[in-house]
Amino acid sequence: MMNTEQKIRKFFDDYTRRFNNNLAAGAAVDAKAVRDSFADYFVESSSNGVQGSRNNLLFGFVIPRGFRHYRRLGATGITLARLQLTRIDDHHYMAQAHWDAAYRRKNGTCSIGFDVVYFLTLHSGSPKIFSYITADEKKVLRAHGIV
């Protein structure tokens, strides 16, 4: 039987695997699997501001577009380099993730590290993302010559 932190680490291992499978060239995007990672409603905070979204059919419709966008930019995969978990209470955790993303460029490949802070709920028994915070993705991609 897994304890809560083991469940969350497995959640992120599965999340990474699904992301990479969905990113693979020619792969059909499994939008349902992505949606299953999120709570019924979730909030994003980034350089674009704060936005909330329902985990509904519309969200499922835009997920494949996101993976097509990353493919066009040359993204080939992500690796979870570091994961720090902070227990908030019995049903909530903060997860600070450091990701390494691989990109194919005209002059070779590059790896870009970036951090995302996730807030997870375990009310349903399994971890679900209900909020996340990201840095300025466009700025980082521009600095590495991706966009």
C-alpha atoms as a PDB file:
ATOM      1  CA  MET A   1       0.000   0.000   0.000  1.00  0.00           C
ATOM      2  CA  MET A   2       1.392   3.380  -1.032  1.00  0.00           C
ATOM      3  CA  ASN A   3       1.516   6.332   1.296  1.00  0.00           C
ATOM      4  CA  THR A   4       0.379   9.734   0.053  1.00  0.00           C
ATOM      5  CA  GLU A   5       3.809  10.956  -1.062  1.00  0.00           C
ATOM      6  CA  GLN A   6       4.389   7.723  -2.999  1.00  0.00           C
ATOM      7  CA  LYS A   7       0.995   8.223  -4.708  1.00  0.00           C
ATOM      8  CA  ILE A   8       1.973  11.752  -5.702  1.00  0.00           C
ATOM      9  CA  ARG A   9       5.388  10.664  -7.016  1.00  0.00           C
ATOM     10  CA  LYS A  10       3.681   7.922  -9.054  1.00  0.00           C
ATOM     11  CA  PHE A  11       1.179  10.517 -10.308  1.00  0.00           C
ATOM     12  CA  PHE A  12       4.058  12.648 -11.633  1.00  0.00           C
ATOM     13  CA  ASP A  13       5.832   9.623 -13.124  1.00  0.00           C
ATOM     14  CA  ASP A  14       2.608   8.749 -14.959  1.00  0.00           C
ATOM     15  CA  TYR A  15       2.070  12.417 -15.922  1.00  0.00           C
ATOM     16  CA  THR A  16       5.572  12.539 -17.439  1.00  0.00           C
ATOM     17  CA  ARG A  17       5.044   9.306 -19.355  1.00  0.00           C
ATOM     18  CA  ARG A  18       1.668  10.475 -20.713  1.00  0.00           C
ATOM     19  CA  PHE A  19       3.113  13.841 -21.711  1.00  0.00           C
ATOM     20  CA  ASN A  20       5.949  12.178 -23.623  1.00  0.00           C
ATOM     21  CA  ASN A  21       3.603   9.655 -25.263  1.00  0.00           C
ATOM     22  CA  ASN A  22       1.294  12.481 -26.373  1.00  0.00           C
ATOM     23  CA  LEU A  23       4.251  14.499 -27.661  1.00  0.00           C
ATOM     24  CA  ALA A  24       5.630  11.662 -29.789  1.00  0.00           C
ATOM     25  CA  ALA A  25       5.480  12.416 -33.513  1.00  0.00           C
ATOM     26  CA  GLY A  26       2.432  10.855 -35.113  1.00  0.00           C
ATOM     27  CA  ALA A  27       0.935   9.829 -31.775  1.00  0.00           C
ATOM     28  CA  ALA A  28      -2.761  10.285 -31.151  1.00  0.00           C
ATOM     29  CA  VAL A  29      -3.160  12.560 -28.131  1.00  0.00           C
ATOM     30  CA  ASP A  30      -4.960  10.913 -25.234  1.00  0.00           C
ATOM     31  CA  ALA A  31      -6.885  13.965 -24.019  1.00  0.00           C
ATOM     32  CA  LYS A  32      -8.870  11.904 -21.516  1.00  0.00           C
ATOM     33  CA  ALA A  33      -5.680  10.803 -19.761  1.00  0.00           C
ATOM     34  CA  VAL A  34      -4.548  14.433 -19.535  1.00  0.00           C
ATOM     35  CA  ARG A  35      -7.960  15.532 -18.243  1.00  0.00           C
ATOM     36  CA  ASP A  36      -7.805  12.800 -15.602  1.00  0.00           C
ATOM     37  CA  SER A  37      -4.791  14.599 -14.071  1.00  0.00           C
ATOM     38  CA  PHE A  38      -6.853  17.700 -13.286  1.00  0.00           C
ATOM     39  CA  ALA A  39      -9.606  18.532 -10.817  1.00  0.00           C
ATOM     40  CA  ASP A  40     -13.069  19.477 -12.109  1.00  0.00           C
ATOM     41  CA  TYR A  41     -11.957  23.119 -11.974  1.00  0.00           C
ATOM     42  CA  PHE A  42      -8.375  24.394 -11.914  1.00  0.00           C
ATOM     43  CA  VAL A  43      -6.489  27.682 -11.933  1.00  0.00           C
ATOM     44  CA  GLU A  44      -3.314  28.645 -13.785  1.00  0.00           C
ATOM     45  CA  SER A  45      -1.082  31.592 -12.956  1.00  0.00           C
ATOM     46  CA  SER A  46       1.586  32.552 -15.481  1.00  0.00           C
ATOM     47  CA  SER A  47       2.980  35.570 -17.321  1.00  0.00           C
ATOM     48  CA  ASN A  48      -0.411  35.667 -19.083  1.00  0.00           C
ATOM     49  CA  GLY A  49      -2.154  36.354 -15.765  1.00  0.00           C
ATOM     50  CA  VAL A  50      -4.505  34.176 -13.751  1.00  0.00           C
ATOM     51  CA  GLN A  51      -7.013  31.983 -15.566  1.00  0.00           C
ATOM     52  CA  GLY A  52      -9.467  29.377 -14.411  1.00  0.00           C
ATOM     53  CA  SER A  53     -10.907  26.540 -16.448  1.00  0.00           C
ATOM     54  CA  ARG A  54     -13.423  23.758 -16.128  1.00  0.00           C
ATOM     55  CA  ASN A  55     -12.165  20.271 -16.835  1.00  0.00           C
ATOM     56  CA  ASN A  56     -14.780  19.638 -19.504  1.00  0.00           C
ATOM     57  CA  LEU A  57     -15.102  18.719 -23.185  1.00  0.00           C
ATOM     58  CA  LEU A  58     -13.780  22.117 -24.272  1.00  0.00           C
ATOM     59  CA  PHE A  59     -10.614  21.546 -22.230  1.00  0.00           C
ATOM     60  CA  GLY A  60     -10.333  18.095 -23.822  1.00  0.00           C
ATOM     61  CA  PHE A  61     -10.695  19.707 -27.251  1.00  0.00           C
ATOM     62  CA  VAL A  62      -7.784  22.155 -26.740  1.00  0.00           C
ATOM     63  CA  ILE A  63      -5.340  19.584 -25.307  1.00  0.00           C
ATOM     64  CA  PRO A  64      -4.312  18.135 -28.707  1.00  0.00           C
ATOM     65  CA  ARG A  65      -3.696  21.688 -29.980  1.00  0.00           C
ATOM     66  CA  GLY A  66      -1.244  22.234 -27.144  1.00  0.00           C
ATOM     67  CA  PHE A  67       0.735  19.122 -28.071  1.00  0.00           C
ATOM     68  CA  ARG A  68       0.742  20.135 -31.768  1.00  0.00           C
ATOM     69  CA  HIS A  69       2.117  23.522 -30.723  1.00  0.00           C
ATOM     70  CA  TYR A  70       4.972  21.925 -28.751  1.00  0.00           C
ATOM     71  CA  ARG A  71       5.748  19.540 -31.621  1.00  0.00           C
ATOM     72  CA  ARG A  72       5.978  22.510 -34.036  1.00  0.00           C
ATOM     73  CA  LEU A  73       8.414  24.183 -31.657  1.00  0.00           C
ATOM     74  CA  GLY A  74      10.596  21.058 -31.772  1.00  0.00           C
ATOM     75  CA  ALA A  75       9.835  19.640 -28.323  1.00  0.00           C
ATOM     76  CA  THR A  76      10.797  15.974 -28.122  1.00  0.00           C
ATOM     77  CA  GLY A  77      10.229  15.128 -24.461  1.00  0.00           C
ATOM     78  CA  ILE A  78      10.382  16.109 -20.812  1.00  0.00           C
ATOM     79  CA  THR A  79      12.105  14.651 -17.789  1.00  0.00           C
ATOM     80  CA  LEU A  80      11.148  15.302 -14.203  1.00  0.00           C
ATOM     81  CA  ALA A  81      14.522  16.267 -12.755  1.00  0.00           C
ATOM     82  CA  ARG A  82      13.389  17.143  -9.240  1.00  0.00           C
ATOM     83  CA  LEU A  83      10.169  16.991  -7.233  1.00  0.00           C
ATOM     84  CA  GLN A  84       9.773  18.546  -3.804  1.00  0.00           C
ATOM     85  CA  LEU A  85       6.538  17.835  -1.940  1.00  0.00           C
ATOM     86  CA  THR A  86       5.063  19.926   0.862  1.00  0.00           C
ATOM     87  CA  ARG A  87       2.095  18.615   2.821  1.00  0.00           C
ATOM     88  CA  ILE A  88      -0.509  21.303   3.447  1.00  0.00           C
ATOM     89  CA  ASP A  89      -3.087  19.098   5.193  1.00  0.00           C
ATOM     90  CA  ASP A  90      -4.520  15.575   4.849  1.00  0.00           C
ATOM     91  CA  HIS A  91      -6.017  16.377   1.435  1.00  0.00           C
ATOM     92  CA  HIS A  92      -3.677  18.964  -0.122  1.00  0.00           C
ATOM     93  CA  TYR A  93      -0.048  19.063  -1.218  1.00  0.00           C
ATOM     94  CA  MET A  94       2.176  21.535  -2.976  1.00  0.00           C
ATOM     95  CA  ALA A  95       4.553  19.967  -5.505  1.00  0.00           C
ATOM     96  CA  GLN A  96       7.517  21.965  -6.789  1.00  0.00           C
ATOM     97  CA  ALA A  97       8.679  20.323 -10.003  1.00  0.00           C
ATOM     98  CA  HIS A  98      11.805  21.041 -12.006  1.00  0.00           C
ATOM     99  CA  TRP A  99      11.420  19.795 -15.568  1.00  0.00           C
ATOM    100  CA  ASP A 100      14.025  19.406 -18.288  1.00  0.00           C
ATOM    101  CA  ALA A 101      12.513  19.751 -21.748  1.00  0.00           C
ATOM    102  CA  ALA A 102      14.364  18.569 -24.856  1.00  0.00           C
ATOM    103  CA  TYR A 103      14.004  20.581 -28.065  1.00  0.00           C
ATOM    104  CA  ARG A 104      15.230  19.904 -31.567  1.00  0.00           C
ATOM    105  CA  ARG A 105      16.671  22.962 -33.304  1.00  0.00           C
ATOM    106  CA  LYS A 106      18.212  23.608 -36.718  1.00  0.00           C
ATOM    107  CA  ASN A 107      21.699  23.494 -35.213  1.00  0.00           C
ATOM    108  CA  GLY A 108      21.137  20.485 -32.924  1.00  0.00           C
ATOM    109  CA  THR A 109      19.256  19.924 -29.729  1.00  0.00           C
ATOM    110  CA  CYS A 110      18.977  21.775 -26.455  1.00  0.00           C
ATOM    111  CA  SER A 111      17.635  21.147 -22.998  1.00  0.00           C
ATOM    112  CA  ILE A 112      15.639  23.794 -21.190  1.00  0.00           C
ATOM    113  CA  GLY A 113      15.008  23.602 -17.464  1.00  0.00           C
ATOM    114  CA  PHE A 114      11.889  25.127 -16.003  1.00  0.00           C
ATOM    115  CA  ASP A 115       9.955  25.083 -12.753  1.00  0.00           C
ATOM    116  CA  VAL A 116       6.255  24.616 -12.135  1.00  0.00           C
ATOM    117  CA  VAL A 117       4.503  24.737  -8.771  1.00  0.00           C
ATOM    118  CA  TYR A 118       1.436  22.496  -8.578  1.00  0.00           C
ATOM    119  CA  PHE A 119      -1.265  22.371  -5.941  1.00  0.00           C
ATOM    120  CA  LEU A 120      -2.881  18.971  -5.613  1.00  0.00           C
ATOM    121  CA  THR A 121      -6.053  17.744  -3.993  1.00  0.00           C
ATOM    122  CA  LEU A 122      -6.520  14.172  -2.841  1.00  0.00           C
ATOM    123  CA  HIS A 123     -10.229  14.441  -2.004  1.00  0.00           C
ATOM    124  CA  SER A 124     -11.093  11.789  -4.605  1.00  0.00           C
ATOM    125  CA  GLY A 125      -8.394   9.454  -3.266  1.00  0.00           C
ATOM    126  CA  SER A 126      -5.990  10.080  -6.130  1.00  0.00           C
ATOM    127  CA  PRO A 127      -4.002  13.260  -6.789  1.00  0.00           C
ATOM    128  CA  LYS A 128      -5.582  15.900  -9.037  1.00  0.00           C
ATOM    129  CA  ILE A 129      -4.074  19.237 -10.058  1.00  0.00           C
ATOM    130  CA  PHE A 130      -6.308  22.114  -8.964  1.00  0.00           C
ATOM    131  CA  SER A 131      -3.788  24.904  -9.531  1.00  0.00           C
ATOM    132  CA  TYR A 132      -0.372  25.504 -11.029  1.00  0.00           C
ATOM    133  CA  ILE A 133       2.081  28.378 -11.375  1.00  0.00           C
ATOM    134  CA  THR A 134       4.513  28.722 -14.285  1.00  0.00           C
ATOM    135  CA  ALA A 135       7.134  31.264 -15.290  1.00  0.00           C
ATOM    136  CA  ASP A 136       7.229  33.172 -18.575  1.00  0.00           C
ATOM    137  CA  GLU A 137       7.470  30.274 -21.034  1.00  0.00           C
ATOM    138  CA  LYS A 138       7.735  32.488 -24.121  1.00  0.00           C
ATOM    139  CA  LYS A 139      10.633  34.414 -22.598  1.00  0.00           C
ATOM    140  CA  VAL A 140      12.540  31.209 -21.816  1.00  0.00           C
ATOM    141  CA  LEU A 141      11.878  29.747 -25.280  1.00  0.00           C
ATOM    142  CA  ARG A 142      12.969  33.006 -26.905  1.00  0.00           C
ATOM    143  CA  ALA A 143      16.179  33.059 -24.851  1.00  0.00           C
ATOM    144  CA  HIS A 144      17.025  29.577 -26.177  1.00  0.00           C
ATOM    145  CA  GLY A 145      16.210  30.445 -29.796  1.00  0.00           C
ATOM    146  CA  ILE A 146      13.122  28.237 -29.963  1.00  0.00           C
ATOM    147  CA  VAL A 147      10.689  31.057 -30.857  1.00  0.00           C
END
